Amino acid sequence: MVRMARFFAEAVMLLHFAVLAFLLVGGFLAWRWRWVIYPHLAMGMWAVLSLSTPITCPITVWENHFRGLAGMPLLETGFIDHYIDGVWYPESASMLVQLVLGSIVIISWVGFYAGHRAARRLSRC
């Protein structure tokens, strides 16, 4: 049971990284597959909400559940604070990193909108 719980805790952690990767590149994927923009916009709104309010991410709740079952220490902070801030870059650069990553997402959305408008113009001709 403990090994299975540890496996699921780590699987949920990997899922969380995959969600963050999709948040970063999903807008660019929507340039090719238009339907991707809808889950990506929803995820973008969730990211803004979770970064600007004290709301707890359900994926973090799942990970903590399985960590508890496995006898592992729970994440006392959020996923980003535990695995990314101060690990991948200095904590002092957190705001800058968020602004850069947010800008990348916004650029992907602007590119999606521009491509969508251009495709509509071409289809009218």
N, C-alpha and C. Protein backbone atom coordinates (compact mmCIF):
# COMPACT_ATOMS: atom_id res chain seq x y z
N MET A 1 0.82 -1.20 0.00
CA MET A 1 0.00 0.00 0.00
C MET A 1 0.86 1.26 0.00
N VAL A 2 1.93 1.27 0.80
CA VAL A 2 2.80 2.44 0.88
C VAL A 2 3.50 2.68 -0.44
N ARG A 3 3.97 1.61 -1.07
CA ARG A 3 4.66 1.77 -2.37
C ARG A 3 3.70 2.30 -3.42
N MET A 4 2.46 1.82 -3.40
CA MET A 4 1.46 2.28 -4.36
C MET A 4 1.14 3.76 -4.11
N ALA A 5 1.00 4.14 -2.85
CA ALA A 5 0.72 5.54 -2.52
C ALA A 5 1.88 6.44 -2.96
N ARG A 6 3.10 5.97 -2.75
CA ARG A 6 4.27 6.76 -3.19
C ARG A 6 4.27 6.90 -4.71
N PHE A 7 3.96 5.81 -5.40
CA PHE A 7 3.88 5.85 -6.86
C PHE A 7 2.86 6.91 -7.31
N PHE A 8 1.67 6.89 -6.69
CA PHE A 8 0.64 7.85 -7.07
C PHE A 8 1.04 9.28 -6.70
N ALA A 9 1.70 9.47 -5.57
CA ALA A 9 2.17 10.81 -5.19
C ALA A 9 3.14 11.34 -6.24
N GLU A 10 4.04 10.49 -6.70
CA GLU A 10 5.00 10.92 -7.71
C GLU A 10 4.33 11.10 -9.07
N ALA A 11 3.35 10.26 -9.38
CA ALA A 11 2.61 10.41 -10.65
C ALA A 11 1.84 11.73 -10.66
N VAL A 12 1.24 12.08 -9.54
CA VAL A 12 0.50 13.35 -9.47
C VAL A 12 1.47 14.53 -9.57
N MET A 13 2.66 14.40 -8.98
CA MET A 13 3.67 15.45 -9.12
C MET A 13 4.04 15.64 -10.59
N LEU A 14 4.24 14.53 -11.31
CA LEU A 14 4.55 14.61 -12.73
C LEU A 14 3.39 15.21 -13.52
N LEU A 15 2.17 14.85 -13.15
CA LEU A 15 1.00 15.45 -13.78
C LEU A 15 1.01 16.96 -13.59
N HIS A 16 1.37 17.41 -12.41
CA HIS A 16 1.42 18.84 -12.12
C HIS A 16 2.45 19.53 -13.01
N PHE A 17 3.61 18.92 -13.19
CA PHE A 17 4.61 19.48 -14.10
C PHE A 17 4.08 19.52 -15.53
N ALA A 18 3.36 18.47 -15.94
CA ALA A 18 2.78 18.44 -17.28
C ALA A 18 1.75 19.55 -17.46
N VAL A 19 0.95 19.79 -16.44
CA VAL A 19 -0.04 20.87 -16.49
C VAL A 19 0.67 22.21 -16.66
N LEU A 20 1.74 22.43 -15.91
CA LEU A 20 2.48 23.68 -16.04
C LEU A 20 3.13 23.82 -17.42
N ALA A 21 3.63 22.72 -17.96
CA ALA A 21 4.20 22.75 -19.31
C ALA A 21 3.12 23.10 -20.33
N PHE A 22 1.93 22.51 -20.18
CA PHE A 22 0.83 22.83 -21.08
C PHE A 22 0.44 24.29 -20.95
N LEU A 23 0.46 24.81 -19.73
CA LEU A 23 0.13 26.21 -19.52
C LEU A 23 1.11 27.10 -20.27
N LEU A 24 2.36 26.71 -20.32
CA LEU A 24 3.37 27.51 -21.00
C LEU A 24 3.26 27.41 -22.52
N VAL A 25 3.03 26.22 -23.06
CA VAL A 25 3.08 26.04 -24.52
C VAL A 25 1.71 25.81 -25.17
N GLY A 26 0.67 25.67 -24.38
CA GLY A 26 -0.65 25.35 -24.94
C GLY A 26 -1.16 26.36 -25.94
N GLY A 27 -0.89 27.64 -25.70
CA GLY A 27 -1.32 28.67 -26.65
C GLY A 27 -0.66 28.50 -28.01
N PHE A 28 0.60 28.07 -28.00
CA PHE A 28 1.28 27.82 -29.27
C PHE A 28 0.73 26.57 -29.95
N LEU A 29 0.36 25.56 -29.16
CA LEU A 29 -0.26 24.37 -29.73
C LEU A 29 -1.59 24.73 -30.40
N ALA A 30 -2.27 25.72 -29.85
CA ALA A 30 -3.56 26.16 -30.42
C ALA A 30 -3.39 26.80 -31.78
N TRP A 31 -2.20 27.24 -32.11
CA TRP A 31 -1.98 27.78 -33.45
C TRP A 31 -2.21 26.68 -34.48
N ARG A 32 -1.92 25.45 -34.11
CA ARG A 32 -2.09 24.32 -35.02
C ARG A 32 -3.44 23.64 -34.83
N TRP A 33 -3.82 23.42 -33.57
CA TRP A 33 -5.08 22.76 -33.24
C TRP A 33 -5.94 23.76 -32.47
N ARG A 34 -6.84 24.41 -33.16
CA ARG A 34 -7.59 25.53 -32.58
C ARG A 34 -8.35 25.18 -31.32
N TRP A 35 -8.86 23.97 -31.22
CA TRP A 35 -9.66 23.59 -30.06
C TRP A 35 -8.86 23.64 -28.76
N VAL A 36 -7.53 23.58 -28.85
CA VAL A 36 -6.68 23.59 -27.66
C VAL A 36 -6.78 24.92 -26.90
N ILE A 37 -7.20 25.97 -27.60
CA ILE A 37 -7.24 27.28 -26.94
C ILE A 37 -8.23 27.30 -25.78
N TYR A 38 -9.31 26.53 -25.87
CA TYR A 38 -10.33 26.57 -24.81
C TYR A 38 -9.83 26.01 -23.48
N PRO A 39 -9.26 24.80 -23.45
CA PRO A 39 -8.70 24.36 -22.17
C PRO A 39 -7.52 25.23 -21.73
N HIS A 40 -6.79 25.77 -22.71
CA HIS A 40 -5.65 26.61 -22.34
C HIS A 40 -6.10 27.92 -21.71
N LEU A 41 -7.13 28.54 -22.24
CA LEU A 41 -7.67 29.77 -21.63
C LEU A 41 -8.18 29.49 -20.22
N ALA A 42 -8.88 28.37 -20.05
CA ALA A 42 -9.38 28.01 -18.72
C ALA A 42 -8.21 27.81 -17.75
N MET A 43 -7.17 27.15 -18.22
CA MET A 43 -6.01 26.92 -17.37
C MET A 43 -5.29 28.23 -17.05
N GLY A 44 -5.25 29.13 -18.02
CA GLY A 44 -4.64 30.44 -17.78
C GLY A 44 -5.40 31.22 -16.72
N MET A 45 -6.73 31.17 -16.79
CA MET A 45 -7.53 31.85 -15.77
C MET A 45 -7.30 31.22 -14.40
N TRP A 46 -7.22 29.89 -14.36
CA TRP A 46 -6.95 29.21 -13.09
C TRP A 46 -5.59 29.63 -12.54
N ALA A 47 -4.59 29.75 -13.40
CA ALA A 47 -3.25 30.13 -12.96
C ALA A 47 -3.27 31.53 -12.33
N VAL A 48 -3.95 32.46 -12.99
CA VAL A 48 -4.04 33.81 -12.44
C VAL A 48 -4.74 33.79 -11.09
N LEU A 49 -5.84 33.04 -11.02
CA LEU A 49 -6.59 32.94 -9.77
C LEU A 49 -5.74 32.33 -8.65
N SER A 50 -5.04 31.25 -8.97
CA SER A 50 -4.27 30.56 -7.93
C SER A 50 -3.04 31.35 -7.49
N LEU A 51 -2.50 32.19 -8.39
CA LEU A 51 -1.35 33.00 -8.01
C LEU A 51 -1.75 34.27 -7.27
N SER A 52 -2.98 34.70 -7.46
CA SER A 52 -3.41 35.98 -6.86
C SER A 52 -4.30 35.81 -5.63
N THR A 53 -4.69 34.60 -5.31
CA THR A 53 -5.53 34.35 -4.14
C THR A 53 -4.94 33.17 -3.36
N PRO A 54 -5.39 32.97 -2.14
CA PRO A 54 -4.86 31.84 -1.35
C PRO A 54 -5.55 30.51 -1.65
N ILE A 55 -6.15 30.37 -2.81
CA ILE A 55 -6.84 29.13 -3.17
C ILE A 55 -5.83 27.99 -3.32
N THR A 56 -6.20 26.80 -2.92
CA THR A 56 -5.33 25.63 -3.01
C THR A 56 -5.64 24.85 -4.28
N CYS A 57 -4.61 24.52 -5.03
CA CYS A 57 -4.78 23.76 -6.27
C CYS A 57 -5.20 22.33 -5.94
N PRO A 58 -6.23 21.82 -6.62
CA PRO A 58 -6.66 20.45 -6.34
C PRO A 58 -5.59 19.40 -6.65
N ILE A 59 -4.71 19.69 -7.58
CA ILE A 59 -3.64 18.72 -7.87
C ILE A 59 -2.69 18.63 -6.68
N THR A 60 -2.43 19.75 -6.03
CA THR A 60 -1.61 19.73 -4.82
C THR A 60 -2.30 18.95 -3.70
N VAL A 61 -3.61 19.10 -3.61
CA VAL A 61 -4.38 18.34 -2.61
C VAL A 61 -4.23 16.85 -2.86
N TRP A 62 -4.33 16.43 -4.13
CA TRP A 62 -4.17 15.00 -4.47
C TRP A 62 -2.78 14.52 -4.09
N GLU A 63 -1.77 15.32 -4.45
CA GLU A 63 -0.41 14.90 -4.14
C GLU A 63 -0.23 14.75 -2.63
N ASN A 64 -0.72 15.71 -1.86
CA ASN A 64 -0.61 15.62 -0.40
C ASN A 64 -1.35 14.41 0.15
N HIS A 65 -2.48 14.08 -0.45
CA HIS A 65 -3.23 12.91 -0.01
C HIS A 65 -2.37 11.65 -0.14
N PHE A 66 -1.79 11.47 -1.31
CA PHE A 66 -0.97 10.28 -1.54
C PHE A 66 0.34 10.32 -0.76
N ARG A 67 0.91 11.51 -0.60
CA ARG A 67 2.12 11.63 0.22
C ARG A 67 1.82 11.21 1.66
N GLY A 68 0.67 11.62 2.17
CA GLY A 68 0.28 11.23 3.52
C GLY A 68 0.12 9.73 3.65
N LEU A 69 -0.53 9.11 2.66
CA LEU A 69 -0.71 7.65 2.69
C LEU A 69 0.63 6.91 2.63
N ALA A 70 1.59 7.53 1.93
CA ALA A 70 2.91 6.90 1.78
C ALA A 70 3.83 7.20 2.95
N GLY A 71 3.37 8.01 3.89
CA GLY A 71 4.22 8.37 5.02
C GLY A 71 5.27 9.42 4.67
N MET A 72 5.08 10.09 3.54
CA MET A 72 5.99 11.14 3.11
C MET A 72 5.54 12.47 3.72
N PRO A 73 6.47 13.42 3.89
CA PRO A 73 6.04 14.72 4.41
C PRO A 73 5.14 15.43 3.40
N LEU A 74 4.14 16.12 3.91
CA LEU A 74 3.22 16.86 3.05
C LEU A 74 3.88 18.13 2.55
N LEU A 75 3.40 18.62 1.42
CA LEU A 75 3.87 19.91 0.92
C LEU A 75 3.27 20.99 1.81
N GLU A 76 4.10 21.71 2.52
CA GLU A 76 3.59 22.76 3.41
C GLU A 76 3.28 24.02 2.63
N THR A 77 3.91 24.18 1.49
CA THR A 77 3.63 25.31 0.61
C THR A 77 3.02 24.74 -0.67
N GLY A 78 2.73 25.58 -1.61
CA GLY A 78 2.18 25.11 -2.88
C GLY A 78 3.21 24.40 -3.72
N PHE A 79 2.75 23.83 -4.80
CA PHE A 79 3.60 23.07 -5.72
C PHE A 79 4.75 23.93 -6.24
N ILE A 80 4.43 25.12 -6.72
CA ILE A 80 5.46 25.99 -7.30
C ILE A 80 6.47 26.39 -6.23
N ASP A 81 5.98 26.75 -5.06
CA ASP A 81 6.90 27.14 -3.98
C ASP A 81 7.80 25.98 -3.57
N HIS A 82 7.29 24.77 -3.61
CA HIS A 82 8.07 23.61 -3.16
C HIS A 82 9.06 23.12 -4.22
N TYR A 83 8.60 22.98 -5.45
CA TYR A 83 9.42 22.34 -6.48
C TYR A 83 10.16 23.31 -7.41
N ILE A 84 9.70 24.56 -7.52
CA ILE A 84 10.25 25.43 -8.56
C ILE A 84 10.95 26.67 -7.98
N ASP A 85 10.22 27.48 -7.19
CA ASP A 85 10.83 28.69 -6.60
C ASP A 85 12.02 28.30 -5.73
N GLY A 86 13.14 28.94 -5.97
CA GLY A 86 14.32 28.66 -5.17
C GLY A 86 15.04 27.38 -5.56
N VAL A 87 14.45 26.63 -6.49
CA VAL A 87 15.08 25.40 -6.98
C VAL A 87 15.58 25.63 -8.40
N TRP A 88 14.70 26.11 -9.28
CA TRP A 88 15.07 26.36 -10.67
C TRP A 88 15.64 27.75 -10.87
N TYR A 89 15.29 28.67 -9.99
CA TYR A 89 15.78 30.04 -10.04
C TYR A 89 15.71 30.59 -8.62
N PRO A 90 16.45 31.66 -8.34
CA PRO A 90 16.42 32.22 -6.98
C PRO A 90 15.03 32.74 -6.63
N GLU A 91 14.64 32.58 -5.39
CA GLU A 91 13.33 33.06 -4.96
C GLU A 91 13.17 34.55 -5.22
N SER A 92 14.26 35.29 -5.17
CA SER A 92 14.19 36.73 -5.40
C SER A 92 13.78 37.07 -6.84
N ALA A 93 13.90 36.12 -7.75
CA ALA A 93 13.53 36.34 -9.15
C ALA A 93 12.12 35.86 -9.46
N SER A 94 11.38 35.47 -8.46
CA SER A 94 10.06 34.87 -8.66
C SER A 94 9.13 35.76 -9.47
N MET A 95 9.03 37.03 -9.11
CA MET A 95 8.13 37.94 -9.83
C MET A 95 8.58 38.12 -11.27
N LEU A 96 9.87 38.26 -11.50
CA LEU A 96 10.39 38.40 -12.86
C LEU A 96 10.07 37.16 -13.69
N VAL A 97 10.29 35.99 -13.12
CA VAL A 97 10.00 34.74 -13.84
C VAL A 97 8.52 34.65 -14.17
N GLN A 98 7.65 35.00 -13.22
CA GLN A 98 6.21 34.97 -13.48
C GLN A 98 5.84 35.94 -14.60
N LEU A 99 6.45 37.12 -14.62
CA LEU A 99 6.17 38.09 -15.68
C LEU A 99 6.64 37.59 -17.04
N VAL A 100 7.82 36.98 -17.09
CA VAL A 100 8.34 36.45 -18.35
C VAL A 100 7.46 35.31 -18.86
N LEU A 101 7.13 34.37 -17.97
CA LEU A 101 6.30 33.24 -18.39
C LEU A 101 4.90 33.70 -18.76
N GLY A 102 4.34 34.63 -18.00
CA GLY A 102 3.04 35.19 -18.35
C GLY A 102 3.07 35.89 -19.70
N SER A 103 4.16 36.58 -20.00
CA SER A 103 4.31 37.25 -21.30
C SER A 103 4.35 36.24 -22.43
N ILE A 104 5.03 35.12 -22.21
CA ILE A 104 5.08 34.07 -23.23
C ILE A 104 3.68 33.55 -23.51
N VAL A 105 2.89 33.33 -22.47
CA VAL A 105 1.52 32.86 -22.65
C VAL A 105 0.70 33.90 -23.41
N ILE A 106 0.82 35.16 -23.04
CA ILE A 106 0.06 36.22 -23.72
C ILE A 106 0.48 36.33 -25.18
N ILE A 107 1.77 36.21 -25.46
CA ILE A 107 2.24 36.22 -26.85
C ILE A 107 1.61 35.07 -27.63
N SER A 108 1.50 33.91 -27.01
CA SER A 108 0.88 32.77 -27.70
C SER A 108 -0.58 33.05 -28.01
N TRP A 109 -1.27 33.72 -27.08
CA TRP A 109 -2.68 34.05 -27.31
C TRP A 109 -2.83 35.10 -28.41
N VAL A 110 -1.96 36.11 -28.41
CA VAL A 110 -2.00 37.13 -29.46
C VAL A 110 -1.72 36.49 -30.82
N GLY A 111 -0.74 35.60 -30.87
CA GLY A 111 -0.44 34.89 -32.11
C GLY A 111 -1.60 34.04 -32.57
N PHE A 112 -2.27 33.39 -31.63
CA PHE A 112 -3.45 32.59 -31.97
C PHE A 112 -4.52 33.48 -32.58
N TYR A 113 -4.79 34.61 -31.93
CA TYR A 113 -5.83 35.52 -32.40
C TYR A 113 -5.48 36.07 -33.79
N ALA A 114 -4.23 36.46 -33.99
CA ALA A 114 -3.80 36.98 -35.29
C ALA A 114 -3.93 35.91 -36.37
N GLY A 115 -3.53 34.70 -36.07
CA GLY A 115 -3.66 33.61 -37.04
C GLY A 115 -5.10 33.28 -37.34
N HIS A 116 -5.94 33.32 -36.33
CA HIS A 116 -7.37 33.06 -36.50
C HIS A 116 -8.00 34.13 -37.39
N ARG A 117 -7.66 35.39 -37.15
CA ARG A 117 -8.20 36.49 -37.97
C ARG A 117 -7.73 36.36 -39.42
N ALA A 118 -6.45 36.05 -39.61
CA ALA A 118 -5.92 35.91 -40.97
C ALA A 118 -6.61 34.77 -41.70
N ALA A 119 -6.86 33.67 -41.02
CA ALA A 119 -7.53 32.53 -41.64
C ALA A 119 -8.97 32.89 -42.02
N ARG A 120 -9.63 33.67 -41.20
CA ARG A 120 -11.01 34.09 -41.50
C ARG A 120 -11.02 35.01 -42.71
N ARG A 121 -10.03 35.92 -42.80
CA ARG A 121 -9.96 36.81 -43.97
C ARG A 121 -9.74 36.02 -45.25
N LEU A 122 -8.84 35.05 -45.19
CA LEU A 122 -8.56 34.24 -46.38
C LEU A 122 -9.77 33.42 -46.80
N SER A 123 -10.54 32.95 -45.85
CA SER A 123 -11.71 32.14 -46.20
C SER A 123 -12.82 32.98 -46.81
N ARG A 124 -12.81 34.28 -46.56
CA ARG A 124 -13.83 35.17 -47.14
C ARG A 124 -13.52 35.53 -48.59
N CYS A 125 -12.26 35.43 -48.98
CA CYS A 125 -11.87 35.82 -50.34
C CYS A 125 -12.28 34.81 -51.36
